[in-house]
């Protein structure tokens, strides 16, 4: 039986798993910003206060997107720490 391909980080994970994880990151950030723009636009149309809710929702969308990026960077940091421990054990 063929061995699993070795990932660049050396921990044996499939490289497609890492690709899917970070592609999901981009999609998550983009969808967050687009939905916040849409909600702000609809609130502006409903209330008649033209750029107010669009700007507020856009700022909130960026804040949420930054939190998502921080979450992924923490996950990547934990993965790197796990790789360092694996190398010291060898």
N, C-alpha and C. Protein backbone atom coordinates (compact mmCIF):
# COMPACT_ATOMS: atom_id res chain seq x y z
N UNK A 1 0.84 -1.16 0.00
CA UNK A 1 0.00 0.00 0.00
C UNK A 1 0.90 1.24 0.00
N UNK A 2 0.49 2.27 -0.73
CA UNK A 2 1.28 3.49 -0.85
C UNK A 2 1.20 4.32 0.43
N UNK A 3 2.33 4.89 0.78
CA UNK A 3 2.35 5.76 1.96
C UNK A 3 1.69 7.08 1.64
N UNK A 4 1.22 7.71 2.69
CA UNK A 4 0.59 9.02 2.55
C UNK A 4 1.68 10.03 2.18
N UNK A 5 1.39 10.97 1.24
CA UNK A 5 2.42 11.94 0.86
C UNK A 5 2.79 12.82 2.04
N UNK A 6 4.07 13.10 2.14
CA UNK A 6 4.58 13.91 3.25
C UNK A 6 4.30 15.39 2.96
N UNK A 7 3.79 16.07 3.95
CA UNK A 7 3.48 17.49 3.82
C UNK A 7 4.74 18.31 4.00
N UNK A 8 4.74 19.55 3.50
CA UNK A 8 5.93 20.39 3.67
C UNK A 8 6.28 20.65 5.13
N UNK A 9 5.29 20.63 6.02
CA UNK A 9 5.60 20.88 7.43
C UNK A 9 6.13 19.64 8.13
N UNK A 10 6.13 18.50 7.46
CA UNK A 10 6.77 17.32 8.00
C UNK A 10 5.95 16.53 9.00
N UNK A 11 4.74 16.94 9.29
CA UNK A 11 3.98 16.20 10.31
C UNK A 11 3.08 15.13 9.71
N UNK A 12 3.19 14.89 8.40
CA UNK A 12 2.44 13.81 7.78
C UNK A 12 1.04 14.18 7.36
N UNK A 13 0.59 15.41 7.61
CA UNK A 13 -0.74 15.83 7.17
C UNK A 13 -0.76 15.95 5.66
N UNK A 14 -1.91 15.69 5.11
CA UNK A 14 -2.09 15.85 3.69
C UNK A 14 -2.02 17.33 3.34
N UNK A 15 -1.24 17.71 2.32
CA UNK A 15 -1.14 19.14 1.97
C UNK A 15 -2.47 19.72 1.51
N UNK A 16 -3.37 18.89 1.02
CA UNK A 16 -4.67 19.39 0.59
C UNK A 16 -5.53 19.84 1.77
N UNK A 17 -5.26 19.27 2.93
CA UNK A 17 -5.99 19.70 4.13
C UNK A 17 -5.60 21.13 4.48
N UNK A 18 -4.31 21.43 4.43
CA UNK A 18 -3.85 22.78 4.70
C UNK A 18 -4.37 23.75 3.65
N UNK A 19 -4.38 23.33 2.39
CA UNK A 19 -4.91 24.18 1.32
C UNK A 19 -6.38 24.49 1.56
N UNK A 20 -7.14 23.49 1.92
CA UNK A 20 -8.58 23.70 2.16
C UNK A 20 -8.80 24.60 3.37
N UNK A 21 -7.97 24.45 4.39
CA UNK A 21 -8.11 25.29 5.58
C UNK A 21 -7.91 26.76 5.24
N UNK A 22 -6.89 27.08 4.49
CA UNK A 22 -6.59 28.48 4.20
C UNK A 22 -7.43 29.03 3.05
N UNK A 23 -7.90 28.18 2.17
CA UNK A 23 -8.88 28.64 1.18
C UNK A 23 -10.18 28.98 1.88
N UNK A 24 -10.53 28.22 2.89
CA UNK A 24 -11.70 28.52 3.69
C UNK A 24 -11.55 29.83 4.43
N UNK A 25 -10.34 30.17 4.83
CA UNK A 25 -10.07 31.44 5.48
C UNK A 25 -10.42 32.60 4.55
N UNK A 26 -9.94 32.55 3.34
CA UNK A 26 -10.23 33.61 2.37
C UNK A 26 -11.72 33.73 2.09
N UNK A 27 -12.37 32.60 1.95
CA UNK A 27 -13.81 32.61 1.69
C UNK A 27 -14.57 33.17 2.88
N UNK A 28 -14.16 32.80 4.07
CA UNK A 28 -14.83 33.27 5.29
C UNK A 28 -14.71 34.79 5.43
N UNK A 29 -13.53 35.33 5.17
CA UNK A 29 -13.32 36.78 5.26
C UNK A 29 -14.13 37.50 4.19
N UNK A 30 -14.10 37.00 2.97
CA UNK A 30 -14.82 37.65 1.87
C UNK A 30 -16.33 37.65 2.12
N UNK A 31 -16.85 36.52 2.55
CA UNK A 31 -18.30 36.43 2.80
C UNK A 31 -18.70 37.35 3.94
N UNK A 32 -17.88 37.45 4.97
CA UNK A 32 -18.18 38.33 6.10
C UNK A 32 -18.29 39.78 5.64
N UNK A 33 -17.34 40.24 4.84
CA UNK A 33 -17.35 41.63 4.38
C UNK A 33 -18.52 41.88 3.43
N UNK A 34 -18.77 40.94 2.52
CA UNK A 34 -19.86 41.13 1.56
C UNK A 34 -21.22 41.14 2.27
N UNK A 35 -21.41 40.25 3.22
CA UNK A 35 -22.69 40.24 3.95
C UNK A 35 -22.86 41.51 4.76
N UNK A 36 -21.79 42.01 5.36
CA UNK A 36 -21.91 43.25 6.13
C UNK A 36 -22.25 44.43 5.22
N UNK A 37 -21.69 44.47 4.04
CA UNK A 37 -22.04 45.53 3.08
C UNK A 37 -23.50 45.42 2.68
N UNK A 38 -23.95 44.22 2.40
CA UNK A 38 -25.35 44.03 2.00
C UNK A 38 -26.31 44.44 3.11
N UNK A 39 -26.02 44.03 4.34
CA UNK A 39 -26.89 44.38 5.46
C UNK A 39 -26.91 45.89 5.66
N UNK A 40 -25.76 46.54 5.59
CA UNK A 40 -25.71 47.99 5.72
C UNK A 40 -26.49 48.69 4.63
N UNK A 41 -26.37 48.20 3.41
CA UNK A 41 -27.10 48.79 2.29
C UNK A 41 -28.61 48.64 2.50
N UNK A 42 -29.04 47.47 2.90
CA UNK A 42 -30.48 47.24 3.11
C UNK A 42 -31.02 48.09 4.28
N UNK A 43 -30.24 48.22 5.36
CA UNK A 43 -30.65 49.06 6.48
C UNK A 43 -30.75 50.53 6.05
N UNK A 44 -29.82 50.98 5.22
CA UNK A 44 -29.88 52.35 4.71
C UNK A 44 -31.12 52.56 3.87
N UNK A 45 -31.45 51.60 3.03
CA UNK A 45 -32.63 51.73 2.18
C UNK A 45 -33.91 51.72 3.03
N UNK A 46 -33.91 50.94 4.09
CA UNK A 46 -35.09 50.82 4.94
C UNK A 46 -35.31 52.06 5.79
N UNK A 47 -34.22 52.62 6.33
CA UNK A 47 -34.35 53.77 7.22
C UNK A 47 -34.22 55.11 6.51
N UNK A 48 -33.62 55.13 5.33
CA UNK A 48 -33.44 56.38 4.59
C UNK A 48 -32.22 57.18 5.03
N UNK A 49 -31.36 56.62 5.86
CA UNK A 49 -30.14 57.30 6.32
C UNK A 49 -28.98 56.75 5.50
N UNK A 50 -28.76 57.37 4.36
CA UNK A 50 -27.96 56.80 3.29
C UNK A 50 -26.64 56.15 3.68
N UNK A 51 -25.57 56.84 4.02
CA UNK A 51 -24.34 56.06 4.21
C UNK A 51 -24.12 55.59 5.64
N UNK A 52 -24.98 55.93 6.57
CA UNK A 52 -24.73 55.65 7.98
C UNK A 52 -24.58 54.16 8.28
N UNK A 53 -25.60 53.38 7.99
CA UNK A 53 -25.56 51.95 8.33
C UNK A 53 -24.58 51.18 7.46
N UNK A 54 -24.38 51.64 6.23
CA UNK A 54 -23.39 50.99 5.37
C UNK A 54 -22.00 51.11 5.99
N UNK A 55 -21.66 52.29 6.47
CA UNK A 55 -20.34 52.50 7.07
C UNK A 55 -20.23 51.72 8.38
N UNK A 56 -21.26 51.77 9.21
CA UNK A 56 -21.23 51.06 10.49
C UNK A 56 -21.08 49.55 10.27
N UNK A 57 -21.89 49.01 9.36
CA UNK A 57 -21.81 47.55 9.10
C UNK A 57 -20.50 47.17 8.45
N UNK A 58 -19.96 48.04 7.61
CA UNK A 58 -18.67 47.75 6.98
C UNK A 58 -17.56 47.69 8.02
N UNK A 59 -17.57 48.64 8.95
CA UNK A 59 -16.56 48.62 10.03
C UNK A 59 -16.72 47.36 10.88
N UNK A 60 -17.97 47.02 11.22
CA UNK A 60 -18.20 45.79 12.00
C UNK A 60 -17.74 44.56 11.21
N UNK A 61 -17.98 44.54 9.90
CA UNK A 61 -17.54 43.42 9.07
C UNK A 61 -16.04 43.28 9.07
N UNK A 62 -15.33 44.42 9.00
CA UNK A 62 -13.87 44.37 9.05
C UNK A 62 -13.37 43.89 10.41
N UNK A 63 -14.03 44.31 11.48
CA UNK A 63 -13.64 43.86 12.81
C UNK A 63 -13.81 42.34 12.93
N UNK A 64 -14.92 41.83 12.43
CA UNK A 64 -15.15 40.38 12.46
C UNK A 64 -14.12 39.67 11.59
N UNK A 65 -13.80 40.23 10.42
CA UNK A 65 -12.80 39.62 9.53
C UNK A 65 -11.43 39.59 10.20
N UNK A 66 -11.07 40.63 10.92
CA UNK A 66 -9.79 40.65 11.62
C UNK A 66 -9.77 39.59 12.72
N UNK A 67 -10.90 39.43 13.41
CA UNK A 67 -10.97 38.37 14.43
C UNK A 67 -10.82 36.99 13.80
N UNK A 68 -11.39 36.79 12.63
CA UNK A 68 -11.22 35.52 11.92
C UNK A 68 -9.76 35.30 11.57
N UNK A 69 -9.09 36.33 11.07
CA UNK A 69 -7.67 36.22 10.73
C UNK A 69 -6.83 35.90 11.97
N UNK A 70 -7.16 36.53 13.08
CA UNK A 70 -6.43 36.24 14.32
C UNK A 70 -6.65 34.81 14.78
N UNK A 71 -7.87 34.31 14.62
CA UNK A 71 -8.16 32.92 14.99
C UNK A 71 -7.31 31.96 14.16
N UNK A 72 -7.24 32.21 12.85
CA UNK A 72 -6.45 31.34 11.99
C UNK A 72 -4.95 31.47 12.29
N UNK A 73 -4.49 32.68 12.63
CA UNK A 73 -3.07 32.82 12.94
C UNK A 73 -2.73 32.10 14.24
N UNK A 74 -3.65 32.10 15.21
CA UNK A 74 -3.42 31.33 16.44
C UNK A 74 -3.36 29.84 16.13
N UNK A 75 -4.26 29.38 15.24
CA UNK A 75 -4.24 27.96 14.86
C UNK A 75 -2.92 27.61 14.18
N UNK A 76 -2.45 28.49 13.31
CA UNK A 76 -1.18 28.23 12.61
C UNK A 76 -0.02 28.23 13.60
N UNK A 77 -0.07 29.12 14.59
CA UNK A 77 0.97 29.15 15.61
C UNK A 77 0.99 27.88 16.43
N UNK A 78 -0.18 27.35 16.75
CA UNK A 78 -0.24 26.10 17.50
C UNK A 78 0.27 24.95 16.65
N UNK A 79 -0.02 24.97 15.35
CA UNK A 79 0.50 23.94 14.46
C UNK A 79 2.02 23.99 14.41
N UNK A 80 2.57 25.22 14.36
CA UNK A 80 4.03 25.37 14.31
C UNK A 80 4.67 24.88 15.62
N UNK A 81 4.04 25.17 16.75
CA UNK A 81 4.56 24.69 18.03
C UNK A 81 4.54 23.17 18.08
N UNK A 82 3.49 22.57 17.53
CA UNK A 82 3.40 21.12 17.48
C UNK A 82 4.49 20.53 16.61
N UNK A 83 4.84 21.21 15.50
CA UNK A 83 5.90 20.75 14.63
C UNK A 83 7.26 20.83 15.33
N UNK A 84 7.47 21.90 16.12
CA UNK A 84 8.74 22.03 16.84
C UNK A 84 8.92 20.91 17.84
N UNK A 85 7.85 20.54 18.55
CA UNK A 85 7.93 19.46 19.52
C UNK A 85 8.23 18.13 18.83
N UNK A 86 7.63 17.92 17.64
CA UNK A 86 7.89 16.69 16.91
C UNK A 86 9.34 16.58 16.51
N UNK A 87 9.96 17.70 16.10
CA UNK A 87 11.34 17.68 15.64
C UNK A 87 12.30 17.44 16.80
N UNK A 88 11.98 17.96 17.99
CA UNK A 88 12.87 17.76 19.13
C UNK A 88 12.83 16.32 19.63
N UNK A 89 11.72 15.64 19.39
CA UNK A 89 11.59 14.26 19.84
C UNK A 89 12.36 13.30 18.94
N UNK A 90 12.68 13.72 17.72
CA UNK A 90 13.36 12.82 16.76
C UNK A 90 14.80 12.63 17.09
